[in-house]
Amino acid sequence: MSLAAQERSALSALLARTADNSAFYTLLTAADGVREINELAGLKADPRYRLVRVDRRLGPATTEFEIALVDDIEMSVAFYDKVTLVRVPGVSSRLLARNSIWRSASSRHSPALRDISQQVFFNYIVQHYDIFLAADTMTDGGNFNWHRQVSRAIEKGLYAFVYDPTTQALQSIPTQGALNDLLDQAWSDANHEALRAVISLSPLASRLEIKDKPV
């Protein structure tokens, strides 16, 4: 298991435990760099919920921040996204945002969580950064969730690109039909590498070296 996978597993285990989740809620909401982003993300949820962004809680570096949907009545975290920013020269002048997401399985949060990933990704994050989506690091179904998020991006008029590991190039996914063809090819090949995509507000350069670069 990769280090990133181990971190996701540990985070999921922590947030699934009621006492630890409540303690995490306190850490997030009491942090110095916390601010509410409900309106910026277009979130219209029950007043008991707030969507917050937390900067600098993980350290002084500006390469990471956190987004969480918190329940102020229950004092719990319903959704959590650790965002890591990467610079990829030659692709975009904007930073690339990698997302490590957890969401509660509790039915009481279901209405508030219905479109939360879409709102966080495509109403908020993409306004500031390009988004990197990797099927093998996504929760809620891997390829299925990857397909859903890329499909939503295309529907919203954003630019979507798939990474071809053979050519190390980005290929445009201009339509839903092109996306379906891509998925048909990937799912029919048992040895196909994990699907990776970049979502942007504008066209990008063709080559992508997926390596962490200092901001």
N, C-alpha and C. Protein backbone atom coordinates (compact mmCIF):
# COMPACT_ATOMS: atom_id res chain seq x y z
N MET A 1 0.84 -1.19 0.00
CA MET A 1 0.00 0.00 0.00
C MET A 1 0.88 1.25 0.00
N SER A 2 0.59 2.20 -0.90
CA SER A 2 1.38 3.42 -0.98
C SER A 2 1.19 4.27 0.26
N LEU A 3 2.11 5.24 0.46
CA LEU A 3 2.01 6.13 1.60
C LEU A 3 0.71 6.93 1.55
N ALA A 4 0.34 7.40 0.35
CA ALA A 4 -0.89 8.16 0.20
C ALA A 4 -2.10 7.32 0.57
N ALA A 5 -2.10 6.05 0.15
CA ALA A 5 -3.21 5.15 0.47
C ALA A 5 -3.28 4.89 1.97
N GLN A 6 -2.11 4.76 2.61
CA GLN A 6 -2.08 4.56 4.06
C GLN A 6 -2.65 5.78 4.78
N GLU A 7 -2.31 6.97 4.30
CA GLU A 7 -2.82 8.20 4.92
C GLU A 7 -4.33 8.29 4.77
N ARG A 8 -4.84 7.93 3.58
CA ARG A 8 -6.29 7.96 3.36
C ARG A 8 -6.99 6.96 4.26
N SER A 9 -6.41 5.78 4.41
CA SER A 9 -7.01 4.75 5.26
C SER A 9 -7.04 5.20 6.72
N ALA A 10 -5.95 5.80 7.18
CA ALA A 10 -5.88 6.28 8.56
C ALA A 10 -6.89 7.40 8.80
N LEU A 11 -7.01 8.30 7.82
CA LEU A 11 -7.96 9.40 7.95
C LEU A 11 -9.39 8.88 8.00
N SER A 12 -9.72 7.92 7.13
CA SER A 12 -11.06 7.35 7.11
C SER A 12 -11.40 6.68 8.43
N ALA A 13 -10.44 5.95 8.98
CA ALA A 13 -10.66 5.27 10.26
C ALA A 13 -10.88 6.29 11.37
N LEU A 14 -10.10 7.36 11.36
CA LEU A 14 -10.23 8.39 12.40
C LEU A 14 -11.59 9.08 12.33
N LEU A 15 -11.98 9.52 11.14
CA LEU A 15 -13.22 10.28 11.00
C LEU A 15 -14.46 9.42 11.17
N ALA A 16 -14.32 8.11 11.01
CA ALA A 16 -15.46 7.21 11.20
C ALA A 16 -15.77 6.97 12.68
N ARG A 17 -14.82 7.27 13.55
CA ARG A 17 -15.02 7.10 14.99
C ARG A 17 -15.61 8.38 15.57
N THR A 18 -16.73 8.27 16.26
CA THR A 18 -17.49 9.44 16.72
C THR A 18 -16.65 10.40 17.55
N ALA A 19 -15.95 9.90 18.54
CA ALA A 19 -15.16 10.77 19.42
C ALA A 19 -14.04 11.46 18.66
N ASP A 20 -13.35 10.72 17.79
CA ASP A 20 -12.26 11.31 17.02
C ASP A 20 -12.79 12.32 16.01
N ASN A 21 -13.94 12.03 15.42
CA ASN A 21 -14.55 12.96 14.48
C ASN A 21 -14.89 14.27 15.18
N SER A 22 -15.46 14.19 16.37
CA SER A 22 -15.80 15.39 17.13
C SER A 22 -14.56 16.19 17.49
N ALA A 23 -13.49 15.50 17.86
CA ALA A 23 -12.23 16.19 18.17
C ALA A 23 -11.67 16.87 16.93
N PHE A 24 -11.81 16.22 15.78
CA PHE A 24 -11.32 16.80 14.52
C PHE A 24 -12.15 18.03 14.16
N TYR A 25 -13.46 17.97 14.40
CA TYR A 25 -14.33 19.14 14.20
C TYR A 25 -13.81 20.33 15.00
N THR A 26 -13.47 20.09 16.26
CA THR A 26 -12.97 21.16 17.12
C THR A 26 -11.67 21.74 16.58
N LEU A 27 -10.76 20.89 16.13
CA LEU A 27 -9.49 21.36 15.59
C LEU A 27 -9.71 22.24 14.36
N LEU A 28 -10.60 21.83 13.48
CA LEU A 28 -10.85 22.59 12.26
C LEU A 28 -11.52 23.92 12.54
N THR A 29 -12.58 23.90 13.32
CA THR A 29 -13.37 25.12 13.53
C THR A 29 -12.69 26.12 14.45
N ALA A 30 -11.71 25.66 15.24
CA ALA A 30 -10.99 26.57 16.14
C ALA A 30 -9.68 27.06 15.54
N ALA A 31 -9.34 26.61 14.34
CA ALA A 31 -8.07 26.98 13.72
C ALA A 31 -8.05 28.46 13.36
N ASP A 32 -6.87 29.05 13.39
CA ASP A 32 -6.73 30.48 13.08
C ASP A 32 -7.10 30.79 11.64
N GLY A 33 -6.80 29.87 10.73
CA GLY A 33 -7.01 30.14 9.31
C GLY A 33 -8.32 29.65 8.75
N VAL A 34 -9.37 29.57 9.58
CA VAL A 34 -10.65 29.05 9.11
C VAL A 34 -11.53 30.17 8.57
N ARG A 35 -12.21 29.91 7.44
CA ARG A 35 -13.18 30.86 6.90
C ARG A 35 -14.29 30.10 6.18
N GLU A 36 -15.46 30.66 6.21
CA GLU A 36 -16.63 30.02 5.61
C GLU A 36 -16.68 30.31 4.12
N ILE A 37 -16.98 29.27 3.31
CA ILE A 37 -17.02 29.44 1.85
C ILE A 37 -18.33 28.92 1.26
N ASN A 38 -19.39 28.89 2.05
CA ASN A 38 -20.69 28.42 1.55
C ASN A 38 -21.10 29.11 0.26
N GLU A 39 -21.08 30.44 0.27
CA GLU A 39 -21.55 31.20 -0.89
C GLU A 39 -20.61 31.02 -2.07
N LEU A 40 -19.31 31.00 -1.84
CA LEU A 40 -18.35 30.85 -2.93
C LEU A 40 -18.51 29.51 -3.63
N ALA A 41 -18.91 28.48 -2.89
CA ALA A 41 -19.09 27.15 -3.47
C ALA A 41 -20.53 26.91 -3.92
N GLY A 42 -21.40 27.90 -3.73
CA GLY A 42 -22.79 27.74 -4.13
C GLY A 42 -23.54 26.74 -3.29
N LEU A 43 -23.14 26.60 -2.03
CA LEU A 43 -23.76 25.61 -1.15
C LEU A 43 -24.98 26.20 -0.45
N LYS A 44 -26.12 25.54 -0.62
CA LYS A 44 -27.35 25.94 0.05
C LYS A 44 -27.84 24.75 0.86
N ALA A 45 -27.25 24.59 2.01
CA ALA A 45 -27.57 23.44 2.86
C ALA A 45 -28.34 23.90 4.08
N ASP A 46 -28.78 22.94 4.87
CA ASP A 46 -29.40 23.22 6.17
C ASP A 46 -28.48 24.15 6.95
N PRO A 47 -29.04 25.16 7.65
CA PRO A 47 -28.21 26.12 8.40
C PRO A 47 -27.27 25.48 9.42
N ARG A 48 -27.52 24.24 9.77
CA ARG A 48 -26.65 23.59 10.74
C ARG A 48 -25.27 23.29 10.15
N TYR A 49 -25.18 23.32 8.81
CA TYR A 49 -23.92 22.99 8.13
C TYR A 49 -23.19 24.24 7.67
N ARG A 50 -21.87 24.17 7.75
CA ARG A 50 -21.00 25.20 7.17
C ARG A 50 -19.91 24.53 6.34
N LEU A 51 -19.63 25.10 5.18
CA LEU A 51 -18.48 24.66 4.40
C LEU A 51 -17.34 25.62 4.70
N VAL A 52 -16.24 25.08 5.21
CA VAL A 52 -15.14 25.94 5.64
C VAL A 52 -13.85 25.55 4.92
N ARG A 53 -13.02 26.56 4.75
CA ARG A 53 -11.65 26.35 4.27
C ARG A 53 -10.71 26.69 5.42
N VAL A 54 -9.72 25.83 5.63
CA VAL A 54 -8.76 26.03 6.71
C VAL A 54 -7.36 26.08 6.12
N ASP A 55 -6.69 27.20 6.29
CA ASP A 55 -5.32 27.37 5.81
C ASP A 55 -4.34 27.32 6.97
N ARG A 56 -3.17 26.76 6.69
CA ARG A 56 -2.02 26.78 7.60
C ARG A 56 -2.17 25.91 8.84
N ARG A 57 -3.25 25.14 8.99
CA ARG A 57 -3.35 24.27 10.15
C ARG A 57 -2.36 23.12 10.06
N LEU A 58 -2.06 22.70 8.84
CA LEU A 58 -1.15 21.57 8.63
C LEU A 58 0.31 21.99 8.64
N GLY A 59 0.57 23.28 8.80
CA GLY A 59 1.94 23.79 8.82
C GLY A 59 2.01 25.12 8.10
N PRO A 60 3.17 25.78 8.15
CA PRO A 60 3.29 27.12 7.57
C PRO A 60 3.31 27.13 6.05
N ALA A 61 3.57 25.99 5.41
CA ALA A 61 3.65 25.95 3.95
C ALA A 61 2.30 26.28 3.32
N THR A 62 2.35 26.88 2.13
CA THR A 62 1.12 27.25 1.43
C THR A 62 0.72 26.20 0.39
N THR A 63 1.30 25.02 0.48
CA THR A 63 1.02 23.98 -0.52
C THR A 63 -0.13 23.08 -0.13
N GLU A 64 -0.70 23.27 1.05
CA GLU A 64 -1.81 22.44 1.50
C GLU A 64 -2.86 23.29 2.21
N PHE A 65 -4.12 22.93 2.00
CA PHE A 65 -5.20 23.50 2.80
C PHE A 65 -6.30 22.46 2.92
N GLU A 66 -7.29 22.74 3.75
CA GLU A 66 -8.36 21.78 4.02
C GLU A 66 -9.73 22.42 3.75
N ILE A 67 -10.64 21.62 3.25
CA ILE A 67 -12.04 22.04 3.08
C ILE A 67 -12.90 21.01 3.81
N ALA A 68 -13.86 21.49 4.59
CA ALA A 68 -14.70 20.55 5.34
C ALA A 68 -16.13 21.07 5.42
N LEU A 69 -17.07 20.14 5.36
CA LEU A 69 -18.46 20.45 5.67
C LEU A 69 -18.69 20.03 7.10
N VAL A 70 -18.94 21.00 7.97
CA VAL A 70 -19.08 20.71 9.40
C VAL A 70 -20.53 20.89 9.83
N ASP A 71 -20.94 20.06 10.76
CA ASP A 71 -22.28 20.10 11.34
C ASP A 71 -22.14 20.74 12.72
N ASP A 72 -22.60 21.99 12.85
CA ASP A 72 -22.41 22.73 14.10
C ASP A 72 -23.36 22.29 15.20
N ILE A 73 -24.43 21.60 14.87
CA ILE A 73 -25.34 21.08 15.89
C ILE A 73 -24.77 19.80 16.50
N GLU A 74 -24.36 18.91 15.65
CA GLU A 74 -23.81 17.64 16.10
C GLU A 74 -22.32 17.75 16.46
N MET A 75 -21.70 18.86 16.05
CA MET A 75 -20.26 19.09 16.22
C MET A 75 -19.46 17.94 15.62
N SER A 76 -19.69 17.75 14.32
CA SER A 76 -19.03 16.66 13.60
C SER A 76 -18.61 17.14 12.21
N VAL A 77 -17.78 16.33 11.57
CA VAL A 77 -17.33 16.59 10.20
C VAL A 77 -18.05 15.62 9.27
N ALA A 78 -18.79 16.15 8.29
CA ALA A 78 -19.53 15.31 7.36
C ALA A 78 -18.77 15.06 6.06
N PHE A 79 -17.88 15.99 5.72
CA PHE A 79 -17.10 15.90 4.48
C PHE A 79 -15.76 16.57 4.74
N TYR A 80 -14.69 15.94 4.22
CA TYR A 80 -13.36 16.51 4.42
C TYR A 80 -12.52 16.31 3.17
N ASP A 81 -11.82 17.36 2.76
CA ASP A 81 -10.95 17.31 1.59
C ASP A 81 -9.61 17.95 1.95
N LYS A 82 -8.56 17.15 1.92
CA LYS A 82 -7.21 17.69 2.07
C LYS A 82 -6.68 17.99 0.67
N VAL A 83 -6.40 19.25 0.40
CA VAL A 83 -5.97 19.69 -0.92
C VAL A 83 -4.47 19.94 -0.91
N THR A 84 -3.76 19.30 -1.82
CA THR A 84 -2.32 19.49 -1.97
C THR A 84 -2.06 20.15 -3.32
N LEU A 85 -1.33 21.25 -3.31
CA LEU A 85 -1.06 22.02 -4.52
C LEU A 85 0.29 21.66 -5.11
N VAL A 86 0.30 21.44 -6.42
CA VAL A 86 1.51 21.02 -7.13
C VAL A 86 1.70 21.95 -8.33
N ARG A 87 2.94 22.36 -8.56
CA ARG A 87 3.24 23.14 -9.75
C ARG A 87 3.74 22.21 -10.85
N VAL A 88 3.14 22.33 -12.05
CA VAL A 88 3.53 21.49 -13.18
C VAL A 88 3.94 22.39 -14.34
N PRO A 89 5.22 22.72 -14.45
CA PRO A 89 5.69 23.62 -15.50
C PRO A 89 5.35 23.09 -16.89
N GLY A 90 5.03 24.00 -17.79
CA GLY A 90 4.76 23.61 -19.16
C GLY A 90 3.34 23.16 -19.42
N VAL A 91 2.54 23.07 -18.38
CA VAL A 91 1.14 22.65 -18.55
C VAL A 91 0.19 23.82 -18.32
N SER A 92 0.37 24.51 -17.21
CA SER A 92 -0.53 25.61 -16.86
C SER A 92 0.20 26.59 -15.96
N SER A 93 -0.22 27.84 -16.02
CA SER A 93 0.34 28.85 -15.12
C SER A 93 -0.28 28.74 -13.72
N ARG A 94 -1.33 27.95 -13.61
CA ARG A 94 -1.98 27.78 -12.31
C ARG A 94 -1.48 26.52 -11.62
N LEU A 95 -1.64 26.50 -10.31
CA LEU A 95 -1.27 25.31 -9.55
C LEU A 95 -2.28 24.20 -9.79
N LEU A 96 -1.83 22.96 -9.64
CA LEU A 96 -2.67 21.78 -9.79
C LEU A 96 -3.08 21.30 -8.40
N ALA A 97 -4.37 21.08 -8.20
CA ALA A 97 -4.90 20.68 -6.89
C ALA A 97 -5.20 19.19 -6.87
N ARG A 98 -4.51 18.47 -5.97
CA ARG A 98 -4.82 17.06 -5.72
C ARG A 98 -5.71 16.99 -4.49
N ASN A 99 -6.72 16.13 -4.53
CA ASN A 99 -7.71 16.08 -3.46
C ASN A 99 -7.76 14.70 -2.81
N SER A 100 -7.67 14.68 -1.49
CA SER A 100 -7.84 13.45 -0.72
C SER A 100 -9.11 13.62 0.11
N ILE A 101 -10.16 12.87 -0.25
CA ILE A 101 -11.51 13.15 0.25
C ILE A 101 -12.04 12.03 1.14
N TRP A 102 -12.75 12.45 2.17
CA TRP A 102 -13.54 11.53 3.01
C TRP A 102 -14.94 12.12 3.13
N ARG A 103 -15.95 11.25 3.14
CA ARG A 103 -17.32 11.70 3.37
C ARG A 103 -18.02 10.71 4.28
N SER A 104 -18.89 11.23 5.11
CA SER A 104 -19.60 10.40 6.07
C SER A 104 -20.57 9.46 5.36
N ALA A 105 -20.68 8.25 5.90
CA ALA A 105 -21.65 7.28 5.39
C ALA A 105 -22.99 7.38 6.10
N SER A 106 -23.10 8.28 7.07
CA SER A 106 -24.33 8.40 7.85
C SER A 106 -25.47 8.95 7.00
N SER A 107 -26.63 8.33 7.08
CA SER A 107 -27.78 8.75 6.28
C SER A 107 -28.27 10.14 6.67
N ARG A 108 -28.03 10.56 7.89
CA ARG A 108 -28.52 11.88 8.31
C ARG A 108 -27.81 13.02 7.57
N HIS A 109 -26.62 12.74 7.03
CA HIS A 109 -25.89 13.76 6.28
C HIS A 109 -26.16 13.68 4.77
N SER A 110 -26.90 12.68 4.33
CA SER A 110 -27.07 12.44 2.90
C SER A 110 -27.57 13.65 2.11
N PRO A 111 -28.61 14.35 2.58
CA PRO A 111 -29.08 15.51 1.81
C PRO A 111 -28.00 16.57 1.61
N ALA A 112 -27.23 16.84 2.65
CA ALA A 112 -26.18 17.87 2.57
C ALA A 112 -25.02 17.42 1.70
N LEU A 113 -24.81 16.12 1.58
CA LEU A 113 -23.66 15.59 0.85
C LEU A 113 -23.98 15.26 -0.61
N ARG A 114 -25.22 15.46 -1.02
CA ARG A 114 -25.66 14.96 -2.32
C ARG A 114 -24.75 15.44 -3.46
N ASP A 115 -24.46 16.73 -3.53
CA ASP A 115 -23.63 17.27 -4.62
C ASP A 115 -22.38 17.96 -4.09
N ILE A 116 -21.92 17.57 -2.90
CA ILE A 116 -20.86 18.31 -2.24
C ILE A 116 -19.55 18.28 -3.03
N SER A 117 -19.16 17.13 -3.58
CA SER A 117 -17.90 17.07 -4.32
C SER A 117 -17.95 17.96 -5.55
N GLN A 118 -19.07 17.93 -6.27
CA GLN A 118 -19.23 18.76 -7.45
C GLN A 118 -19.13 20.24 -7.08
N GLN A 119 -19.78 20.64 -5.99
CA GLN A 119 -19.75 22.04 -5.59
C GLN A 119 -18.35 22.48 -5.16
N VAL A 120 -17.66 21.63 -4.42
CA VAL A 120 -16.31 21.96 -3.98
C VAL A 120 -15.36 22.02 -5.18
N PHE A 121 -15.41 21.03 -6.04
CA PHE A 121 -14.51 20.99 -7.19
C PHE A 121 -14.78 22.11 -8.19
N PHE A 122 -16.04 22.18 -8.66
CA PHE A 122 -16.33 22.95 -9.86
C PHE A 122 -16.93 24.33 -9.60
N ASN A 123 -17.35 24.60 -8.38
CA ASN A 123 -17.78 25.95 -8.04
C ASN A 123 -16.70 26.72 -7.30
N TYR A 124 -15.82 25.99 -6.62
CA TYR A 124 -14.81 26.67 -5.79
C TYR A 124 -13.38 26.41 -6.25
N ILE A 125 -12.91 25.17 -6.16
CA ILE A 125 -11.49 24.91 -6.39
C ILE A 125 -11.06 25.30 -7.80
N VAL A 126 -11.84 24.95 -8.82
CA VAL A 126 -11.42 25.22 -10.20
C VAL A 126 -11.35 26.71 -10.50
N GLN A 127 -11.99 27.54 -9.68
CA GLN A 127 -11.88 28.98 -9.87
C GLN A 127 -10.49 29.49 -9.51
N HIS A 128 -9.74 28.72 -8.76
CA HIS A 128 -8.42 29.14 -8.28
C HIS A 128 -7.29 28.24 -8.77
N TYR A 129 -7.59 26.97 -9.00
CA TYR A 129 -6.56 25.99 -9.36
C TYR A 129 -7.12 25.03 -10.41
N ASP A 130 -6.21 24.39 -11.18
CA ASP A 130 -6.63 23.27 -12.00
C ASP A 130 -6.77 22.04 -11.10
N ILE A 131 -7.62 21.10 -11.47
CA ILE A 131 -7.94 19.95 -10.62
C ILE A 131 -7.37 18.68 -11.22
N PHE A 132 -6.66 17.92 -10.41
CA PHE A 132 -6.12 16.62 -10.82
C PHE A 132 -7.00 15.53 -10.23
N LEU A 133 -7.52 14.65 -11.08
CA LEU A 133 -8.38 13.55 -10.64
C LEU A 133 -7.74 12.22 -11.02
N ALA A 134 -7.49 11.36 -10.05
CA ALA A 134 -6.91 10.04 -10.30
C ALA A 134 -7.88 8.98 -9.78
N ALA A 135 -8.28 8.06 -10.65
CA ALA A 135 -9.28 7.05 -10.27
C ALA A 135 -8.81 6.19 -9.11
N ASP A 136 -7.50 5.92 -9.05
CA ASP A 136 -7.01 5.01 -8.01
C ASP A 136 -6.86 5.68 -6.65
N THR A 137 -7.09 6.98 -6.57
CA THR A 137 -7.03 7.66 -5.27
C THR A 137 -8.38 8.24 -4.87
N MET A 138 -9.42 7.95 -5.64
CA MET A 138 -10.73 8.51 -5.35
C MET A 138 -11.54 7.54 -4.49
N THR A 139 -12.31 8.12 -3.58
CA THR A 139 -13.24 7.32 -2.79
C THR A 139 -14.53 7.12 -3.58
N ASP A 140 -15.42 6.31 -3.06
CA ASP A 140 -16.74 6.11 -3.66
C ASP A 140 -16.67 5.50 -5.05
N GLY A 141 -15.80 4.52 -5.26
CA GLY A 141 -15.94 3.75 -6.48
C GLY A 141 -14.89 3.90 -7.55
N GLY A 142 -13.78 4.55 -7.30
CA GLY A 142 -12.69 4.57 -8.25
C GLY A 142 -13.08 5.06 -9.63
N ASN A 143 -13.06 4.16 -10.63
CA ASN A 143 -13.37 4.54 -12.01
C ASN A 143 -14.77 5.14 -12.13
N PHE A 144 -15.72 4.61 -11.37
CA PHE A 144 -17.08 5.13 -11.45
C PHE A 144 -17.12 6.59 -11.02
N ASN A 145 -16.50 6.91 -9.90
CA ASN A 145 -16.50 8.28 -9.40
C ASN A 145 -15.69 9.19 -10.32
N TRP A 146 -14.58 8.68 -10.84
CA TRP A 146 -13.78 9.44 -11.80
C TRP A 146 -14.63 9.81 -13.01
N HIS A 147 -15.36 8.83 -13.55
CA HIS A 147 -16.24 9.06 -14.70
C HIS A 147 -17.29 10.12 -14.36
N ARG A 148 -17.89 10.01 -13.20
CA ARG A 148 -18.94 10.94 -12.80
C ARG A 148 -18.42 12.37 -12.70
N GLN A 149 -17.25 12.55 -12.09
CA GLN A 149 -16.72 13.90 -11.91
C GLN A 149 -16.27 14.51 -13.24
N VAL A 150 -15.63 13.72 -14.09
CA VAL A 150 -15.22 14.24 -15.39
C VAL A 150 -16.45 14.57 -16.23
N SER A 151 -17.47 13.73 -16.17
CA SER A 151 -18.71 13.99 -16.90
C SER A 151 -19.36 15.29 -16.43
N ARG A 152 -19.35 15.52 -15.13
CA ARG A 152 -19.92 16.76 -14.60
C ARG A 152 -19.12 17.97 -15.06
N ALA A 153 -17.82 17.83 -15.12
CA ALA A 153 -16.98 18.94 -15.57
C ALA A 153 -17.29 19.31 -17.02
N ILE A 154 -17.43 18.30 -17.87
CA ILE A 154 -17.77 18.54 -19.27
C ILE A 154 -19.14 19.20 -19.37
N GLU A 155 -20.09 18.71 -18.58
CA GLU A 155 -21.45 19.27 -18.58
C GLU A 155 -21.45 20.74 -18.19
N LYS A 156 -20.54 21.13 -17.30
CA LYS A 156 -20.47 22.51 -16.85
C LYS A 156 -19.67 23.41 -17.79
N GLY A 157 -19.16 22.84 -18.88
CA GLY A 157 -18.43 23.64 -19.85
C GLY A 157 -16.96 23.83 -19.53
N LEU A 158 -16.43 23.03 -18.61
CA LEU A 158 -15.01 23.11 -18.27
C LEU A 158 -14.19 22.28 -19.25
N TYR A 159 -12.90 22.52 -19.28
CA TYR A 159 -12.00 21.75 -20.13
C TYR A 159 -11.52 20.51 -19.38
N ALA A 160 -11.68 19.35 -20.00
CA ALA A 160 -11.26 18.09 -19.38
C ALA A 160 -10.22 17.41 -20.26
N PHE A 161 -9.19 16.87 -19.61
CA PHE A 161 -8.10 16.21 -20.32
C PHE A 161 -7.76 14.91 -19.61
N VAL A 162 -7.47 13.87 -20.37
CA VAL A 162 -7.01 12.61 -19.80
C VAL A 162 -5.52 12.48 -20.03
N TYR A 163 -4.82 11.91 -19.07
CA TYR A 163 -3.37 11.72 -19.18
C TYR A 163 -3.08 10.36 -19.80
N ASP A 164 -2.30 10.37 -20.88
CA ASP A 164 -1.89 9.14 -21.55
C ASP A 164 -0.48 8.79 -21.07
N PRO A 165 -0.33 7.72 -20.25
CA PRO A 165 0.99 7.39 -19.71
C PRO A 165 1.99 6.95 -20.78
N THR A 166 1.50 6.48 -21.92
CA THR A 166 2.39 6.03 -22.98
C THR A 166 3.12 7.20 -23.63
N THR A 167 2.37 8.26 -23.93
CA THR A 167 2.95 9.43 -24.58
C THR A 167 3.28 10.55 -23.60
N GLN A 168 2.86 10.38 -22.34
CA GLN A 168 3.02 11.42 -21.31
C GLN A 168 2.40 12.74 -21.78
N ALA A 169 1.26 12.63 -22.42
CA ALA A 169 0.58 13.81 -22.95
C ALA A 169 -0.85 13.88 -22.46
N LEU A 170 -1.39 15.08 -22.47
CA LEU A 170 -2.79 15.30 -22.15
C LEU A 170 -3.61 15.27 -23.43
N GLN A 171 -4.69 14.52 -23.41
CA GLN A 171 -5.59 14.45 -24.55
C GLN A 171 -6.94 15.02 -24.14
N SER A 172 -7.47 15.90 -24.97
CA SER A 172 -8.74 16.55 -24.66
C SER A 172 -9.88 15.54 -24.64
N ILE A 173 -10.82 15.75 -23.72
CA ILE A 173 -12.07 14.98 -23.68
C ILE A 173 -13.18 15.99 -23.94
N PRO A 174 -13.50 16.28 -25.19
CA PRO A 174 -14.38 17.40 -25.50
C PRO A 174 -15.86 17.16 -25.28
N THR A 175 -16.29 15.88 -25.31
CA THR A 175 -17.72 15.58 -25.24
C THR A 175 -17.97 14.38 -24.33
N GLN A 176 -19.24 14.20 -23.97
CA GLN A 176 -19.63 13.03 -23.20
C GLN A 176 -19.38 11.75 -24.00
N GLY A 177 -19.57 11.81 -25.32
CA GLY A 177 -19.32 10.64 -26.15
C GLY A 177 -17.86 10.24 -26.13
N ALA A 178 -16.97 11.22 -26.18
CA ALA A 178 -15.53 10.94 -26.12
C ALA A 178 -15.16 10.32 -24.78
N LEU A 179 -15.81 10.80 -23.72
CA LEU A 179 -15.56 10.24 -22.38
C LEU A 179 -16.03 8.79 -22.31
N ASN A 180 -17.20 8.51 -22.87
CA ASN A 180 -17.72 7.13 -22.85
C ASN A 180 -16.80 6.19 -23.63
N ASP A 181 -16.28 6.66 -24.78
CA ASP A 181 -15.36 5.84 -25.57
C ASP A 181 -14.10 5.54 -24.77
N LEU A 182 -13.61 6.54 -24.06
CA LEU A 182 -12.41 6.37 -23.24
C LEU A 182 -12.65 5.33 -22.14
N LEU A 183 -13.80 5.40 -21.49
CA LEU A 183 -14.12 4.46 -20.42
C LEU A 183 -14.31 3.05 -20.96
N ASP A 184 -14.93 2.92 -22.13
CA ASP A 184 -15.09 1.59 -22.75
C ASP A 184 -13.74 0.94 -22.98
N GLN A 185 -12.79 1.73 -23.46
CA GLN A 185 -11.45 1.21 -23.73
C GLN A 185 -10.75 0.83 -22.43
N ALA A 186 -10.88 1.68 -21.41
CA ALA A 186 -10.19 1.42 -20.14
C ALA A 186 -10.75 0.19 -19.45
N TRP A 187 -12.07 0.05 -19.42
CA TRP A 187 -12.69 -1.05 -18.69
C TRP A 187 -12.57 -2.39 -19.42
N SER A 188 -12.27 -2.35 -20.72
CA SER A 188 -12.11 -3.60 -21.47
C SER A 188 -10.67 -4.10 -21.41
N ASP A 189 -9.78 -3.30 -20.83
CA ASP A 189 -8.36 -3.67 -20.72
C ASP A 189 -8.02 -3.90 -19.26
N ALA A 190 -7.82 -5.16 -18.88
CA ALA A 190 -7.56 -5.50 -17.48
C ALA A 190 -6.26 -4.88 -16.98
N ASN A 191 -5.33 -4.59 -17.89
CA ASN A 191 -4.03 -4.05 -17.50
C ASN A 191 -3.93 -2.54 -17.70
N HIS A 192 -5.07 -1.91 -17.96
CA HIS A 192 -5.06 -0.47 -18.19
C HIS A 192 -4.64 0.27 -16.92
N GLU A 193 -3.76 1.27 -17.09
CA GLU A 193 -3.31 2.03 -15.93
C GLU A 193 -4.45 2.89 -15.39
N ALA A 194 -4.31 3.30 -14.14
CA ALA A 194 -5.35 4.09 -13.49
C ALA A 194 -5.63 5.36 -14.29
N LEU A 195 -6.90 5.68 -14.41
CA LEU A 195 -7.30 6.86 -15.17
C LEU A 195 -6.92 8.13 -14.40
N ARG A 196 -6.36 9.09 -15.14
CA ARG A 196 -5.99 10.37 -14.56
C ARG A 196 -6.48 11.48 -15.47
N ALA A 197 -6.99 12.54 -14.87
CA ALA A 197 -7.52 13.64 -15.66
C ALA A 197 -7.15 14.97 -15.01
N VAL A 198 -7.17 16.01 -15.83
CA VAL A 198 -7.00 17.38 -15.35
C VAL A 198 -8.21 18.17 -15.82
N ILE A 199 -8.79 18.93 -14.90
CA ILE A 199 -9.94 19.78 -15.20
C ILE A 199 -9.49 21.23 -15.07
N SER A 200 -9.83 22.06 -16.06
CA SER A 200 -9.36 23.44 -16.06
C SER A 200 -10.41 24.38 -16.63
N LEU A 201 -10.23 25.67 -16.33
CA LEU A 201 -11.09 26.69 -16.92
C LEU A 201 -10.69 27.02 -18.35
N SER A 202 -9.48 26.61 -18.76
CA SER A 202 -8.97 26.99 -20.07
C SER A 202 -8.15 25.85 -20.66
N PRO A 203 -7.84 25.91 -21.96
CA PRO A 203 -7.02 24.86 -22.58
C PRO A 203 -5.65 24.78 -21.93
N LEU A 204 -5.05 23.58 -21.96
CA LEU A 204 -3.74 23.36 -21.35
C LEU A 204 -2.74 22.87 -22.38
N ALA A 205 -1.46 22.92 -22.01
CA ALA A 205 -0.42 22.36 -22.86
C ALA A 205 -0.58 20.85 -22.93
N SER A 206 0.07 20.22 -23.88
CA SER A 206 -0.18 18.80 -24.15
C SER A 206 0.57 17.85 -23.23
N ARG A 207 1.70 18.29 -22.65
CA ARG A 207 2.52 17.36 -21.88
C ARG A 207 2.33 17.59 -20.39
N LEU A 208 2.35 16.50 -19.65
CA LEU A 208 2.14 16.57 -18.20
C LEU A 208 3.09 15.62 -17.50
N GLU A 209 4.00 16.16 -16.71
CA GLU A 209 4.87 15.35 -15.87
C GLU A 209 4.31 15.38 -14.47
N ILE A 210 3.73 14.27 -14.02
CA ILE A 210 3.05 14.25 -12.73
C ILE A 210 4.07 14.00 -11.63
N LYS A 211 4.72 15.07 -11.23
CA LYS A 211 5.69 15.03 -10.14
C LYS A 211 5.44 16.22 -9.24
N ASP A 212 5.63 16.04 -7.97
CA ASP A 212 5.46 17.14 -7.04
C ASP A 212 6.55 18.18 -7.29
N LYS A 213 6.14 19.41 -7.46
CA LYS A 213 7.06 20.51 -7.64
C LYS A 213 6.83 21.53 -6.53
N PRO A 214 7.90 22.16 -6.04
CA PRO A 214 7.71 23.17 -5.00
C PRO A 214 6.93 24.36 -5.52
N VAL A 215 6.05 24.89 -4.67
CA VAL A 215 5.30 26.07 -5.04
C VAL A 215 6.17 27.30 -4.89
